[in-house]
């Protein structure tokens, strides 16, 4: 084989590999968008997917395995698990969205103080963030719940505060990078005011990547909020929140009644995986531009 033929074959393989990767990315994004759409419909209009009552009990149908009448089976009170999962999406996703908003808002504040402020303010803010990093996120959330008390609102705030240090560190680095960029120096040379540089140049180029962070953070927040509910520190029973359903079903897992834990667990996994893969796809497309 000549050198030209070898180079041509290598180029063809690279092109084929690139096309296969792009096709896989498109298929992954399409699947994640489909899952996200179903979750959004379940959160905003659950009756479209499950018109039944999530709290309706039927003792005679207790512990029914998955069937045509009950796709995800029933629980110990005869309540339809599928209906409860669909109607519980609003609670679980709302906690995830609100916690992500709290974490991003606090992280943006701390990151802006550290990234745009003087050196002494950067030092103090960074030390505060490092103190928060000394505690594992779930432990910090548990500490707040112990001080304030359990509940959905407390769990939301706790998860938001526990994710804020990670956001703050990323946002600080982004502010530092943008502040020293050439287009900001061009604004200084042109005599534009500090406020103009902040609002028209620094913030737009810093906040754009935050959408990716938010997309990635929603899945993490849903998992953490479900973990707190699993421990009995979130929505109390008989709420159809996914973590609470996991906690209620764990008692029966060893008796062969697997659907009480597997089905809500799959809902948590699907929401976390969909948001994470969407965030990574958005980040790859942003870097490719």
C-alpha atoms as a PDB file:
ATOM      1  CA  UNK A   1       0.000   0.000   0.000  1.00  0.00           C
ATOM      2  CA  UNK A   2       1.380   3.391  -0.993  1.00  0.00           C
ATOM      3  CA  UNK A   3       1.672   6.298   1.461  1.00  0.00           C
ATOM      4  CA  UNK A   4      -1.159   8.165  -0.268  1.00  0.00           C
ATOM      5  CA  UNK A   5      -3.466   5.154   0.025  1.00  0.00           C
ATOM      6  CA  UNK A   6      -2.611   4.674   3.689  1.00  0.00           C
ATOM      7  CA  UNK A   7      -3.279   8.342   4.425  1.00  0.00           C
ATOM      8  CA  UNK A   8      -6.555   8.155   2.507  1.00  0.00           C
ATOM      9  CA  UNK A   9      -7.675   5.062   4.436  1.00  0.00           C
ATOM     10  CA  UNK A  10      -6.789   6.720   7.753  1.00  0.00           C
ATOM     11  CA  UNK A  11      -8.688   9.839   6.734  1.00  0.00           C
ATOM     12  CA  UNK A  12     -11.744   7.786   5.759  1.00  0.00           C
ATOM     13  CA  UNK A  13     -11.663   5.969   9.097  1.00  0.00           C
ATOM     14  CA  UNK A  14     -11.420   9.273  10.956  1.00  0.00           C
ATOM     15  CA  UNK A  15     -14.366  10.670   9.001  1.00  0.00           C
ATOM     16  CA  UNK A  16     -16.433   7.532   9.653  1.00  0.00           C
ATOM     17  CA  UNK A  17     -15.562   7.639  13.356  1.00  0.00           C
ATOM     18  CA  UNK A  18     -16.543  11.308  13.534  1.00  0.00           C
ATOM     19  CA  UNK A  19     -19.863  10.643  11.832  1.00  0.00           C
ATOM     20  CA  UNK A  20     -20.615   7.715  14.137  1.00  0.00           C
ATOM     21  CA  UNK A  21     -19.789   9.841  17.180  1.00  0.00           C
ATOM     22  CA  UNK A  22     -21.992  12.682  15.991  1.00  0.00           C
ATOM     23  CA  UNK A  23     -24.829  10.240  15.280  1.00  0.00           C
ATOM     24  CA  UNK A  24     -24.461   8.765  18.772  1.00  0.00           C
ATOM     25  CA  UNK A  25     -24.483  12.266  20.270  1.00  0.00           C
ATOM     26  CA  UNK A  26     -27.634  13.174  18.346  1.00  0.00           C
ATOM     27  CA  UNK A  27     -29.354   9.964  19.453  1.00  0.00           C
ATOM     28  CA  UNK A  28     -28.329  10.579  23.076  1.00  0.00           C
ATOM     29  CA  UNK A  29     -29.573  14.160  23.037  1.00  0.00           C
ATOM     30  CA  UNK A  30     -32.853  13.092  21.414  1.00  0.00           C
ATOM     31  CA  UNK A  31     -33.411  10.424  24.074  1.00  0.00           C
ATOM     32  CA  UNK A  32     -32.578  12.875  26.871  1.00  0.00           C
ATOM     33  CA  UNK A  33     -34.918  15.489  25.409  1.00  0.00           C
ATOM     34  CA  UNK A  34     -37.696  12.895  25.245  1.00  0.00           C
ATOM     35  CA  UNK A  35     -37.147  11.988  28.909  1.00  0.00           C
ATOM     36  CA  UNK A  36     -36.975  15.676  29.882  1.00  0.00           C
ATOM     37  CA  UNK A  37     -40.207  16.356  27.997  1.00  0.00           C
ATOM     38  CA  UNK A  38     -41.998  13.519  29.799  1.00  0.00           C
ATOM     39  CA  UNK A  39     -40.717  14.786  33.147  1.00  0.00           C
ATOM     40  CA  UNK A  40     -41.827  18.314  32.318  1.00  0.00           C
ATOM     41  CA  UNK A  41     -45.309  17.134  31.347  1.00  0.00           C
ATOM     42  CA  UNK A  42     -45.481  15.033  34.521  1.00  0.00           C
ATOM     43  CA  UNK A  43     -44.512  18.041  36.624  1.00  0.00           C
ATOM     44  CA  UNK A  44     -46.845  20.568  34.971  1.00  0.00           C
ATOM     45  CA  UNK A  45     -49.815  18.419  33.952  1.00  0.00           C
ATOM     46  CA  UNK A  46     -49.564  14.987  35.619  1.00  0.00           C
ATOM     47  CA  UNK A  47     -53.202  14.175  34.866  1.00  0.00           C
ATOM     48  CA  UNK A  48     -52.323  13.908  31.173  1.00  0.00           C
ATOM     49  CA  UNK A  49     -50.063  10.935  31.909  1.00  0.00           C
ATOM     50  CA  UNK A  50     -51.801   9.537  34.992  1.00  0.00           C
ATOM     51  CA  UNK A  51     -55.395  10.701  35.469  1.00  0.00           C
ATOM     52  CA  UNK A  52     -55.868   8.732  38.692  1.00  0.00           C
ATOM     53  CA  UNK A  53     -55.597   9.900  42.283  1.00  0.00           C
ATOM     54  CA  UNK A  54     -52.106   9.244  43.755  1.00  0.00           C
ATOM     55  CA  UNK A  55     -53.602   8.977  47.251  1.00  0.00           C
ATOM     56  CA  UNK A  56     -56.499   6.640  46.381  1.00  0.00           C
ATOM     57  CA  UNK A  57     -56.189   3.399  48.333  1.00  0.00           C
ATOM     58  CA  UNK A  58     -57.489  -0.064  47.489  1.00  0.00           C
ATOM     59  CA  UNK A  59     -56.592  -2.585  50.246  1.00  0.00           C
ATOM     60  CA  UNK A  60     -57.774  -5.527  48.137  1.00  0.00           C
ATOM     61  CA  UNK A  61     -55.178  -4.667  45.467  1.00  0.00           C
ATOM     62  CA  UNK A  62     -52.259  -4.210  47.868  1.00  0.00           C
ATOM     63  CA  UNK A  63     -48.854  -5.419  46.653  1.00  0.00           C
ATOM     64  CA  UNK A  64     -50.135  -6.196  43.163  1.00  0.00           C
ATOM     65  CA  UNK A  65     -47.188  -6.805  40.808  1.00  0.00           C
ATOM     66  CA  UNK A  66     -46.809  -4.781  37.607  1.00  0.00           C
ATOM     67  CA  UNK A  67     -49.645  -5.529  35.194  1.00  0.00           C
ATOM     68  CA  UNK A  68     -51.707  -3.881  32.479  1.00  0.00           C
ATOM     69  CA  UNK A  69     -53.997  -2.311  35.089  1.00  0.00           C
ATOM     70  CA  UNK A  70     -51.063  -1.210  37.264  1.00  0.00           C
ATOM     71  CA  UNK A  71     -47.927  -0.800  35.083  1.00  0.00           C
ATOM     72  CA  UNK A  72     -45.656  -0.247  38.102  1.00  0.00           C
ATOM     73  CA  UNK A  73     -47.678  -2.334  40.563  1.00  0.00           C
ATOM     74  CA  UNK A  74     -49.274  -1.148  43.800  1.00  0.00           C
ATOM     75  CA  UNK A  75     -47.955  -0.430  47.284  1.00  0.00           C
ATOM     76  CA  UNK A  76     -49.000  -1.676  50.703  1.00  0.00           C
ATOM     77  CA  UNK A  77     -52.197   0.399  50.614  1.00  0.00           C
ATOM     78  CA  UNK A  78     -53.149  -0.568  47.068  1.00  0.00           C
ATOM     79  CA  UNK A  79     -52.114   2.820  45.651  1.00  0.00           C
ATOM     80  CA  UNK A  80     -50.965   2.776  42.040  1.00  0.00           C
ATOM     81  CA  UNK A  81     -47.183   3.275  41.961  1.00  0.00           C
ATOM     82  CA  UNK A  82     -47.152   4.631  38.413  1.00  0.00           C
ATOM     83  CA  UNK A  83     -49.690   7.321  39.303  1.00  0.00           C
ATOM     84  CA  UNK A  84     -47.725   8.263  42.398  1.00  0.00           C
ATOM     85  CA  UNK A  85     -44.460   8.522  40.478  1.00  0.00           C
ATOM     86  CA  UNK A  86     -46.009  10.760  37.824  1.00  0.00           C
ATOM     87  CA  UNK A  87     -47.692  13.026  40.374  1.00  0.00           C
ATOM     88  CA  UNK A  88     -44.537  13.062  42.500  1.00  0.00           C
ATOM     89  CA  UNK A  89     -42.454  14.449  39.646  1.00  0.00           C
ATOM     90  CA  UNK A  90     -43.604  17.997  40.445  1.00  0.00           C
ATOM     91  CA  UNK A  91     -42.347  17.770  44.027  1.00  0.00           C
ATOM     92  CA  UNK A  92     -39.027  16.109  43.181  1.00  0.00           C
ATOM     93  CA  UNK A  93     -38.223  18.326  40.196  1.00  0.00           C
ATOM     94  CA  UNK A  94     -39.347  21.495  41.991  1.00  0.00           C
ATOM     95  CA  UNK A  95     -36.952  20.741  44.831  1.00  0.00           C
ATOM     96  CA  UNK A  96     -34.170  20.116  42.301  1.00  0.00           C
ATOM     97  CA  UNK A  97     -34.848  23.316  40.360  1.00  0.00           C
ATOM     98  CA  UNK A  98     -35.207  25.485  43.467  1.00  0.00           C
ATOM     99  CA  UNK A  99     -32.102  24.016  45.086  1.00  0.00           C
ATOM    100  CA  UNK A 100     -30.110  24.584  41.883  1.00  0.00           C
ATOM    101  CA  UNK A 101     -31.320  28.190  41.734  1.00  0.00           C
ATOM    102  CA  UNK A 102     -30.288  28.765  45.365  1.00  0.00           C
ATOM    103  CA  UNK A 103     -26.888  27.164  44.839  1.00  0.00           C
ATOM    104  CA  UNK A 104     -26.216  29.069  41.632  1.00  0.00           C
ATOM    105  CA  UNK A 105     -27.383  32.383  43.111  1.00  0.00           C
ATOM    106  CA  UNK A 106     -25.172  32.075  46.179  1.00  0.00           C
ATOM    107  CA  UNK A 107     -22.308  30.713  44.093  1.00  0.00           C
ATOM    108  CA  UNK A 108     -22.639  33.639  41.681  1.00  0.00           C
ATOM    109  CA  UNK A 109     -22.494  36.107  44.571  1.00  0.00           C
ATOM    110  CA  UNK A 110     -19.442  34.505  46.178  1.00  0.00           C
ATOM    111  CA  UNK A 111     -17.735  33.964  42.824  1.00  0.00           C
ATOM    112  CA  UNK A 112     -18.290  37.576  41.787  1.00  0.00           C
ATOM    113  CA  UNK A 113     -16.908  38.890  45.097  1.00  0.00           C
ATOM    114  CA  UNK A 114     -13.829  36.700  44.755  1.00  0.00           C
ATOM    115  CA  UNK A 115     -13.318  37.167  41.040  1.00  0.00           C
ATOM    116  CA  UNK A 116     -13.976  40.890  40.731  1.00  0.00           C
ATOM    117  CA  UNK A 117     -13.108  42.206  44.178  1.00  0.00           C
ATOM    118  CA  UNK A 118      -9.729  43.273  45.560  1.00  0.00           C
ATOM    119  CA  UNK A 119      -7.145  40.755  46.638  1.00  0.00           C
ATOM    120  CA  UNK A 120      -8.126  40.794  50.325  1.00  0.00           C
ATOM    121  CA  UNK A 121     -11.782  40.137  49.472  1.00  0.00           C
ATOM    122  CA  UNK A 122     -10.767  37.298  47.158  1.00  0.00           C
ATOM    123  CA  UNK A 123      -8.697  35.791  49.981  1.00  0.00           C
ATOM    124  CA  UNK A 124     -11.527  35.980  52.532  1.00  0.00           C
ATOM    125  CA  UNK A 125     -14.188  34.663  50.148  1.00  0.00           C
ATOM    126  CA  UNK A 126     -11.990  31.798  49.024  1.00  0.00           C
ATOM    127  CA  UNK A 127     -11.334  30.809  52.642  1.00  0.00           C
ATOM    128  CA  UNK A 128     -15.078  30.765  53.365  1.00  0.00           C
ATOM    129  CA  UNK A 129     -15.675  28.529  50.340  1.00  0.00           C
ATOM    130  CA  UNK A 130     -12.877  26.200  51.459  1.00  0.00           C
ATOM    131  CA  UNK A 131     -14.478  25.897  54.913  1.00  0.00           C
ATOM    132  CA  UNK A 132     -17.722  24.794  53.247  1.00  0.00           C
ATOM    133  CA  UNK A 133     -15.745  22.360  51.101  1.00  0.00           C
ATOM    134  CA  UNK A 134     -14.423  20.752  54.284  1.00  0.00           C
ATOM    135  CA  UNK A 135     -17.894  19.323  54.847  1.00  0.00           C
ATOM    136  CA  UNK A 136     -19.337  16.760  52.427  1.00  0.00           C
ATOM    137  CA  UNK A 137     -22.399  18.203  50.711  1.00  0.00           C
ATOM    138  CA  UNK A 138     -24.890  15.761  52.185  1.00  0.00           C
ATOM    139  CA  UNK A 139     -23.379  16.246  55.674  1.00  0.00           C
ATOM    140  CA  UNK A 140     -23.763  20.017  55.374  1.00  0.00           C
ATOM    141  CA  UNK A 141     -27.393  19.540  54.371  1.00  0.00           C
ATOM    142  CA  UNK A 142     -27.980  17.224  57.329  1.00  0.00           C
ATOM    143  CA  UNK A 143     -26.423  19.782  59.674  1.00  0.00           C
ATOM    144  CA  UNK A 144     -28.790  22.492  58.479  1.00  0.00           C
ATOM    145  CA  UNK A 145     -31.796  20.186  58.803  1.00  0.00           C
ATOM    146  CA  UNK A 146     -30.784  19.326  62.363  1.00  0.00           C
ATOM    147  CA  UNK A 147     -30.645  23.044  63.215  1.00  0.00           C
ATOM    148  CA  UNK A 148     -33.842  24.108  61.420  1.00  0.00           C
ATOM    149  CA  UNK A 149     -35.944  20.962  61.259  1.00  0.00           C
ATOM    150  CA  UNK A 150     -37.000  18.556  58.480  1.00  0.00           C
ATOM    151  CA  UNK A 151     -39.340  19.434  55.642  1.00  0.00           C
ATOM    152  CA  UNK A 152     -39.415  20.025  51.903  1.00  0.00           C
ATOM    153  CA  UNK A 153     -38.449  23.717  52.206  1.00  0.00           C
ATOM    154  CA  UNK A 154     -35.560  22.930  54.540  1.00  0.00           C
ATOM    155  CA  UNK A 155     -34.342  20.147  52.262  1.00  0.00           C
ATOM    156  CA  UNK A 156     -34.427  22.505  49.282  1.00  0.00           C
ATOM    157  CA  UNK A 157     -32.415  25.181  51.079  1.00  0.00           C
ATOM    158  CA  UNK A 158     -30.016  22.593  52.476  1.00  0.00           C
ATOM    159  CA  UNK A 159     -29.274  21.091  49.062  1.00  0.00           C
ATOM    160  CA  UNK A 160     -28.888  24.570  47.557  1.00  0.00           C
ATOM    161  CA  UNK A 161     -26.395  25.649  50.231  1.00  0.00           C
ATOM    162  CA  UNK A 162     -24.431  22.421  49.928  1.00  0.00           C
ATOM    163  CA  UNK A 163     -23.963  22.894  46.176  1.00  0.00           C
ATOM    164  CA  UNK A 164     -23.079  26.611  46.363  1.00  0.00           C
ATOM    165  CA  UNK A 165     -19.320  26.173  47.153  1.00  0.00           C
ATOM    166  CA  UNK A 166     -18.725  24.163  43.978  1.00  0.00           C
ATOM    167  CA  UNK A 167     -20.518  26.738  41.864  1.00  0.00           C
ATOM    168  CA  UNK A 168     -18.622  29.566  43.585  1.00  0.00           C
ATOM    169  CA  UNK A 169     -15.234  28.074  42.757  1.00  0.00           C
ATOM    170  CA  UNK A 170     -16.121  27.557  39.099  1.00  0.00           C
ATOM    171  CA  UNK A 171     -17.666  31.024  38.750  1.00  0.00           C
ATOM    172  CA  UNK A 172     -14.671  32.666  40.440  1.00  0.00           C
ATOM    173  CA  UNK A 173     -12.331  31.100  37.884  1.00  0.00           C
ATOM    174  CA  UNK A 174     -14.626  32.206  35.078  1.00  0.00           C
ATOM    175  CA  UNK A 175     -14.662  35.795  36.353  1.00  0.00           C
ATOM    176  CA  UNK A 176     -10.884  35.798  36.657  1.00  0.00           C
ATOM    177  CA  UNK A 177     -10.484  34.500  33.129  1.00  0.00           C
ATOM    178  CA  UNK A 178     -12.925  36.983  31.600  1.00  0.00           C
ATOM    179  CA  UNK A 179     -11.614  39.954  33.590  1.00  0.00           C
ATOM    180  CA  UNK A 180      -8.132  39.517  32.115  1.00  0.00           C
ATOM    181  CA  UNK A 181      -9.358  38.850  28.553  1.00  0.00           C
ATOM    182  CA  UNK A 182      -8.322  41.026  25.648  1.00  0.00           C
ATOM    183  CA  UNK A 183     -11.810  42.376  24.932  1.00  0.00           C
ATOM    184  CA  UNK A 184     -12.050  43.695  28.500  1.00  0.00           C
ATOM    185  CA  UNK A 185      -8.685  45.425  28.101  1.00  0.00           C
ATOM    186  CA  UNK A 186     -10.007  46.917  24.866  1.00  0.00           C
ATOM    187  CA  UNK A 187     -12.903  48.441  26.828  1.00  0.00           C
ATOM    188  CA  UNK A 188     -10.393  49.974  29.246  1.00  0.00           C
ATOM    189  CA  UNK A 189      -8.385  51.447  26.398  1.00  0.00           C
ATOM    190  CA  UNK A 190     -11.556  52.879  24.875  1.00  0.00           C
ATOM    191  CA  UNK A 191     -12.318  54.637  28.157  1.00  0.00           C
ATOM    192  CA  UNK A 192     -15.529  52.799  28.972  1.00  0.00           C
ATOM    193  CA  UNK A 193     -16.729  52.956  32.549  1.00  0.00           C
ATOM    194  CA  UNK A 194     -16.369  50.149  35.108  1.00  0.00           C
ATOM    195  CA  UNK A 195     -20.138  49.635  35.123  1.00  0.00           C
ATOM    196  CA  UNK A 196     -20.232  49.370  31.322  1.00  0.00           C
ATOM    197  CA  UNK A 197     -17.429  46.798  31.329  1.00  0.00           C
ATOM    198  CA  UNK A 198     -19.182  44.788  34.050  1.00  0.00           C
ATOM    199  CA  UNK A 199     -22.692  44.750  32.546  1.00  0.00           C
ATOM    200  CA  UNK A 200     -21.863  44.669  28.824  1.00  0.00           C
ATOM    201  CA  UNK A 201     -18.688  42.594  28.683  1.00  0.00           C
ATOM    202  CA  UNK A 202     -17.798  40.693  31.854  1.00  0.00           C
ATOM    203  CA  UNK A 203     -21.205  39.437  32.999  1.00  0.00           C
ATOM    204  CA  UNK A 204     -22.513  38.278  29.582  1.00  0.00           C
ATOM    205  CA  UNK A 205     -19.354  36.246  28.955  1.00  0.00           C
ATOM    206  CA  UNK A 206     -19.406  34.816  32.479  1.00  0.00           C
ATOM    207  CA  UNK A 207     -23.084  33.981  32.853  1.00  0.00           C
ATOM    208  CA  UNK A 208     -23.366  32.127  29.524  1.00  0.00           C
ATOM    209  CA  UNK A 209     -21.654  28.953  30.869  1.00  0.00           C
ATOM    210  CA  UNK A 210     -23.914  29.015  33.932  1.00  0.00           C
ATOM    211  CA  UNK A 211     -26.718  27.456  31.911  1.00  0.00           C
ATOM    212  CA  UNK A 212     -24.559  24.374  31.505  1.00  0.00           C
ATOM    213  CA  UNK A 213     -23.851  24.342  35.243  1.00  0.00           C
ATOM    214  CA  UNK A 214     -27.553  24.648  35.986  1.00  0.00           C
ATOM    215  CA  UNK A 215     -28.411  21.753  33.671  1.00  0.00           C
ATOM    216  CA  UNK A 216     -25.768  19.565  35.279  1.00  0.00           C
ATOM    217  CA  UNK A 217     -26.772  20.648  38.774  1.00  0.00           C
ATOM    218  CA  UNK A 218     -30.463  19.801  38.497  1.00  0.00           C
ATOM    219  CA  UNK A 219     -29.779  16.078  38.335  1.00  0.00           C
ATOM    220  CA  UNK A 220     -27.436  16.250  41.311  1.00  0.00           C
ATOM    221  CA  UNK A 221     -29.959  18.290  43.305  1.00  0.00           C
ATOM    222  CA  UNK A 222     -32.748  15.798  42.554  1.00  0.00           C
ATOM    223  CA  UNK A 223     -30.562  12.918  43.764  1.00  0.00           C
ATOM    224  CA  UNK A 224     -29.566  14.736  46.964  1.00  0.00           C
ATOM    225  CA  UNK A 225     -33.131  15.846  47.706  1.00  0.00           C
ATOM    226  CA  UNK A 226     -34.338  12.290  47.175  1.00  0.00           C
ATOM    227  CA  UNK A 227     -31.608  11.057  49.532  1.00  0.00           C
ATOM    228  CA  UNK A 228     -32.815  13.443  52.231  1.00  0.00           C
ATOM    229  CA  UNK A 229     -36.410  12.336  51.700  1.00  0.00           C
ATOM    230  CA  UNK A 230     -35.246   8.713  51.854  1.00  0.00           C
ATOM    231  CA  UNK A 231     -33.814   9.486  55.290  1.00  0.00           C
ATOM    232  CA  UNK A 232     -37.159  10.952  56.361  1.00  0.00           C
ATOM    233  CA  UNK A 233     -35.965  14.569  56.228  1.00  0.00           C
ATOM    234  CA  UNK A 234     -37.976  15.750  53.231  1.00  0.00           C
ATOM    235  CA  UNK A 235     -41.651  15.490  52.351  1.00  0.00           C
ATOM    236  CA  UNK A 236     -43.379  13.276  54.956  1.00  0.00           C
ATOM    237  CA  UNK A 237     -45.554  10.284  53.967  1.00  0.00           C
ATOM    238  CA  UNK A 238     -47.883   9.762  52.194  1.00  0.00           C
ATOM    239  CA  UNK A 239     -46.305  12.270  49.814  1.00  0.00           C
ATOM    240  CA  UNK A 240     -45.521  10.732  46.394  1.00  0.00           C
ATOM    241  CA  UNK A 241     -42.053  12.319  46.403  1.00  0.00           C
ATOM    242  CA  UNK A 242     -39.621   9.829  44.872  1.00  0.00           C
ATOM    243  CA  UNK A 243     -37.215   9.630  47.803  1.00  0.00           C
ATOM    244  CA  UNK A 244     -40.084   9.125  50.242  1.00  0.00           C
ATOM    245  CA  UNK A 245     -41.429   6.328  48.040  1.00  0.00           C
ATOM    246  CA  UNK A 246     -38.008   4.664  48.085  1.00  0.00           C
ATOM    247  CA  UNK A 247     -37.949   4.872  51.854  1.00  0.00           C
ATOM    248  CA  UNK A 248     -41.431   3.368  52.145  1.00  0.00           C
ATOM    249  CA  UNK A 249     -40.616   0.510  49.775  1.00  0.00           C
ATOM    250  CA  UNK A 250     -37.275  -0.556  51.255  1.00  0.00           C
ATOM    251  CA  UNK A 251     -39.048  -2.533  54.000  1.00  0.00           C
ATOM    252  CA  UNK A 252     -40.530  -4.894  51.432  1.00  0.00           C
ATOM    253  CA  UNK A 253     -37.524  -5.228  49.128  1.00  0.00           C
ATOM    254  CA  UNK A 254     -36.281  -8.505  50.647  1.00  0.00           C
ATOM    255  CA  UNK A 255     -39.746 -10.049  50.397  1.00  0.00           C
ATOM    256  CA  UNK A 256     -39.715  -9.923  46.597  1.00  0.00           C
ATOM    257  CA  UNK A 257     -41.815  -6.752  46.239  1.00  0.00           C
ATOM    258  CA  UNK A 258     -39.138  -5.018  44.170  1.00  0.00           C
ATOM    259  CA  UNK A 259     -41.320  -2.566  42.257  1.00  0.00           C
ATOM    260  CA  UNK A 260     -41.825  -0.296  45.283  1.00  0.00           C
ATOM    261  CA  UNK A 261     -38.144   0.662  45.162  1.00  0.00           C
ATOM    262  CA  UNK A 262     -37.036  -0.082  41.598  1.00  0.00           C
ATOM    263  CA  UNK A 263     -39.673   2.063  39.876  1.00  0.00           C
ATOM    264  CA  UNK A 264     -39.142   5.330  41.830  1.00  0.00           C
ATOM    265  CA  UNK A 265     -35.411   4.631  41.749  1.00  0.00           C
ATOM    266  CA  UNK A 266     -35.518   4.458  37.962  1.00  0.00           C
ATOM    267  CA  UNK A 267     -37.365   7.794  37.898  1.00  0.00           C
ATOM    268  CA  UNK A 268     -34.580   9.396  39.930  1.00  0.00           C
ATOM    269  CA  UNK A 269     -31.885   7.857  37.736  1.00  0.00           C
ATOM    270  CA  UNK A 270     -33.655   8.879  34.514  1.00  0.00           C
ATOM    271  CA  UNK A 271     -33.994  12.510  35.594  1.00  0.00           C
ATOM    272  CA  UNK A 272     -30.380  12.702  36.789  1.00  0.00           C
ATOM    273  CA  UNK A 273     -28.925  11.008  33.700  1.00  0.00           C
ATOM    274  CA  UNK A 274     -31.042  13.073  31.295  1.00  0.00           C
ATOM    275  CA  UNK A 275     -30.053  16.401  32.841  1.00  0.00           C
ATOM    276  CA  UNK A 276     -26.378  15.420  33.068  1.00  0.00           C
ATOM    277  CA  UNK A 277     -26.121  14.211  29.465  1.00  0.00           C
ATOM    278  CA  UNK A 278     -27.958  17.301  28.207  1.00  0.00           C
ATOM    279  CA  UNK A 279     -25.585  19.539  30.130  1.00  0.00           C
ATOM    280  CA  UNK A 280     -22.544  17.774  28.690  1.00  0.00           C
ATOM    281  CA  UNK A 281     -23.963  17.968  25.170  1.00  0.00           C
ATOM    282  CA  UNK A 282     -24.576  21.701  25.565  1.00  0.00           C
ATOM    283  CA  UNK A 283     -21.036  22.161  26.879  1.00  0.00           C
ATOM    284  CA  UNK A 284     -19.529  20.258  23.927  1.00  0.00           C
ATOM    285  CA  UNK A 285     -21.535  22.306  21.417  1.00  0.00           C
ATOM    286  CA  UNK A 286     -20.501  25.545  23.154  1.00  0.00           C
ATOM    287  CA  UNK A 287     -16.827  24.624  23.005  1.00  0.00           C
ATOM    288  CA  UNK A 288     -17.108  23.598  19.355  1.00  0.00           C
ATOM    289  CA  UNK A 289     -18.216  27.081  18.335  1.00  0.00           C
END
